[in-house]
Amino acid sequence: MEMIQTTLKIGEEFSPEKNIYLIEEYYQELSVYYMAQEIDEMDDRIEELEVIKEEDRKKNSNLYETLYYYLFFKQNSMYAAARLRIHRNTLLHRVAQINELIHLDDMECLKRQRILMVMQLERIKAKKRKKL
């Protein structure tokens, strides 16, 4: 019953023009919703992200956003630089700084994916807080 109510809530938010909301149409949104709840309950911090956030607080370096788009675009520096509206060399310099801090290049693929997923969930939670 909870999943039905959650689907209705998500459906109304994403497709307010519809009258019928099928669970099958909102699998991805439901997955993210339940993962966000799990992370809220676990309050699990990823050490590497905390290091990046601290560096941004100290130096206002924008490494967190750089890391997000770099991972989001599967480490494609051209796409990430275009999305951030910075020169590719600037992006590569920031990626080098990130590597010094958290050794991104040495990480396994699954670890990088986990970091990206947590960053995506943090963005969703931040948007949710702004609405409240």
Protein backbone atom coordinates (compact mmCIF):
# COMPACT_ATOMS: atom_id res chain seq x y z
CA MET A 1 0.00 0.00 0.00
CA GLU A 2 2.89 2.36 0.80
CA MET A 3 4.35 1.92 -2.70
CA ILE A 4 0.99 2.83 -4.24
CA GLN A 5 0.78 6.01 -2.18
CA THR A 6 4.39 6.88 -3.02
CA THR A 7 3.73 6.27 -6.73
CA LEU A 8 0.70 8.54 -6.55
CA LYS A 9 2.76 11.27 -4.87
CA ILE A 10 5.62 10.95 -7.39
CA GLY A 11 3.21 10.75 -10.32
CA GLU A 12 1.42 13.92 -9.25
CA GLU A 13 4.77 15.69 -8.96
CA PHE A 14 6.22 14.53 -12.29
CA SER A 15 3.05 14.24 -14.39
CA PRO A 16 0.30 16.44 -12.90
CA GLU A 17 -1.67 16.34 -16.15
CA LYS A 18 -2.33 12.59 -15.80
CA ASN A 19 -5.16 10.96 -13.87
CA ILE A 20 -3.77 7.41 -13.68
CA TYR A 21 -0.28 6.60 -12.42
CA LEU A 22 1.19 3.14 -13.03
CA ILE A 23 4.00 1.87 -10.83
CA GLU A 24 5.74 0.55 -13.97
CA GLU A 25 6.09 4.10 -15.29
CA TYR A 26 7.93 5.34 -12.19
CA TYR A 27 10.41 2.56 -11.37
CA GLN A 28 13.44 4.84 -11.52
CA GLU A 29 11.84 7.58 -9.42
CA LEU A 30 10.64 5.02 -6.87
CA SER A 31 14.13 3.50 -6.66
CA VAL A 32 15.72 6.86 -6.01
CA TYR A 33 13.02 7.73 -3.47
CA TYR A 34 13.61 4.55 -1.46
CA MET A 35 17.40 4.82 -1.75
CA ALA A 36 17.22 8.38 -0.44
CA GLN A 37 15.23 7.14 2.56
CA GLU A 38 17.84 4.44 3.20
CA ILE A 39 20.68 6.93 3.08
CA ASP A 40 18.79 9.26 5.44
CA GLU A 41 18.40 6.42 7.91
CA MET A 42 22.00 5.20 7.58
CA ASP A 43 23.51 8.69 7.69
CA ASP A 44 26.43 7.08 5.91
CA ARG A 45 29.15 9.50 4.89
CA ILE A 46 31.62 8.81 2.14
CA GLU A 47 34.99 9.94 3.38
CA GLU A 48 36.19 11.07 -0.04
CA LEU A 49 33.21 13.40 -0.46
CA GLU A 50 33.80 14.90 2.96
CA VAL A 51 37.40 15.63 1.97
CA ILE A 52 36.24 17.36 -1.22
CA LYS A 53 33.57 19.36 0.62
CA GLU A 54 36.11 20.50 3.22
CA GLU A 55 38.51 21.62 0.49
CA ASP A 56 35.69 23.59 -1.15
CA ARG A 57 34.85 25.24 2.19
CA LYS A 58 38.47 26.20 2.77
CA LYS A 59 39.39 27.39 -0.73
CA ASN A 60 36.06 27.90 -2.52
CA SER A 61 37.50 25.67 -5.26
CA ASN A 62 34.29 24.17 -6.72
CA LEU A 63 35.80 20.68 -6.71
CA TYR A 64 32.56 19.01 -5.57
CA GLU A 65 30.60 20.19 -8.62
CA THR A 66 33.57 19.37 -10.85
CA LEU A 67 33.72 15.85 -9.45
CA TYR A 68 29.97 15.42 -9.91
CA TYR A 69 29.96 16.31 -13.61
CA TYR A 70 33.24 14.53 -14.29
CA LEU A 71 31.74 11.29 -12.91
CA PHE A 72 28.31 11.98 -14.40
CA PHE A 73 29.82 12.19 -17.88
CA LYS A 74 31.86 9.02 -17.26
CA GLN A 75 35.12 10.92 -16.92
CA ASN A 76 34.74 12.61 -20.31
CA SER A 77 36.55 15.90 -19.78
CA MET A 78 35.09 17.58 -22.88
CA TYR A 79 31.46 17.04 -21.81
CA ALA A 80 32.15 17.89 -18.17
CA ALA A 81 33.98 21.11 -19.09
CA ALA A 82 31.16 22.13 -21.43
CA ARG A 83 28.54 21.52 -18.75
CA LEU A 84 30.54 23.50 -16.18
CA ARG A 85 31.19 26.21 -18.79
CA ILE A 86 34.92 26.16 -18.16
CA HIS A 87 37.92 25.50 -20.39
CA ARG A 88 38.98 21.87 -20.61
CA ASN A 89 42.41 22.73 -19.16
CA THR A 90 40.70 24.26 -16.12
CA LEU A 91 38.74 21.06 -15.66
CA LEU A 92 41.87 18.94 -15.97
CA HIS A 93 43.60 21.11 -13.36
CA ARG A 94 40.66 20.59 -10.98
CA VAL A 95 40.63 16.85 -11.67
CA ALA A 96 44.35 16.77 -10.80
CA GLN A 97 43.52 18.51 -7.50
CA ILE A 98 40.77 15.96 -6.85
CA ASN A 99 43.22 13.14 -7.57
CA GLU A 100 45.68 14.56 -5.06
CA LEU A 101 42.94 14.60 -2.42
CA ILE A 102 41.09 11.32 -2.99
CA HIS A 103 43.09 9.33 -5.60
CA LEU A 104 40.17 9.13 -8.02
CA ASP A 105 42.19 7.49 -10.79
CA ASP A 106 43.16 4.62 -8.48
CA MET A 107 39.57 3.85 -7.45
CA GLU A 108 37.63 0.89 -8.73
CA CYS A 109 34.76 1.66 -11.05
CA LEU A 110 32.13 0.60 -8.50
CA LYS A 111 33.54 2.98 -5.90
CA ARG A 112 33.32 5.88 -8.37
CA GLN A 113 29.75 4.88 -9.23
CA ARG A 114 28.84 4.77 -5.53
CA ILE A 115 30.27 8.26 -5.05
CA LEU A 116 28.25 9.54 -8.01
CA MET A 117 25.06 7.92 -6.70
CA VAL A 118 25.50 9.49 -3.27
CA MET A 119 26.15 12.86 -4.91
CA GLN A 120 22.97 12.50 -6.98
CA LEU A 121 20.95 11.64 -3.89
CA GLU A 122 22.43 14.61 -2.03
CA ARG A 123 21.31 16.86 -4.89
CA ILE A 124 17.79 15.42 -4.77
CA LYS A 125 17.62 15.91 -1.00
CA ALA A 126 18.87 19.51 -1.35
CA LYS A 127 16.15 20.26 -3.93
CA LYS A 128 13.58 18.67 -1.64
CA ARG A 129 14.69 20.88 1.28
CA LYS A 130 14.43 24.02 -0.89
CA LYS A 131 10.80 23.17 -1.66
CA LEU A 132 9.96 22.90 2.03
